[in-house]
Amino acid sequence: MEAIAYAPPLSSGRIWAGRIMSWLPALFLIADAIMKLMKPAFVVDANVQLGYQPNVIVPLGVVLLLITILYLIPRTAVLGAILLTGYLGGATATHVRVEDGVFNVVFSIVFGVLIWGGLFLRDRRVSSLIPLSEPLA
């Protein structure tokens, strides 16, 4: 396995921007997970309209909560981002399938961009894999 070339430390401004960019979607996803766990009538109705049976709402909430927590822990953030990408891909597909409108489709895509953008800014491992600042050959 090849070692990653030395990269200068990330600036504190970049790290904080990455944290903020990461926490914005994470807070929403945690709130969504908690609502799935509490199962108020409007959440059950919304999920049923999307084609999900009421008995899968709590397991979806548990999965969403766990993978969002993984994303917020620096050591497991990359795994969390990968899993959240899959979850949000499923959300996007669901909204497309039920023809739920452009806003709902774009909303989950924007969350995916925020999740990876925040991780890119706050984690040198990710930013070294996606060298946006280097010129193209």
Foldseek 3Di string as FASTA:
>chain_A
DDDQPDDDDADPVLQVVLLVLQVVLLVVLLVQLVCLLVPDPVNCVVVVLLPDHNVCSNVVSVQSNVLSVLCNDVVRNVVSLVVLVVVLVVQLVSCVVSVVDDVSNVVSVVNNVSSLSSCCRNPPVSVSVVVPPDDDD
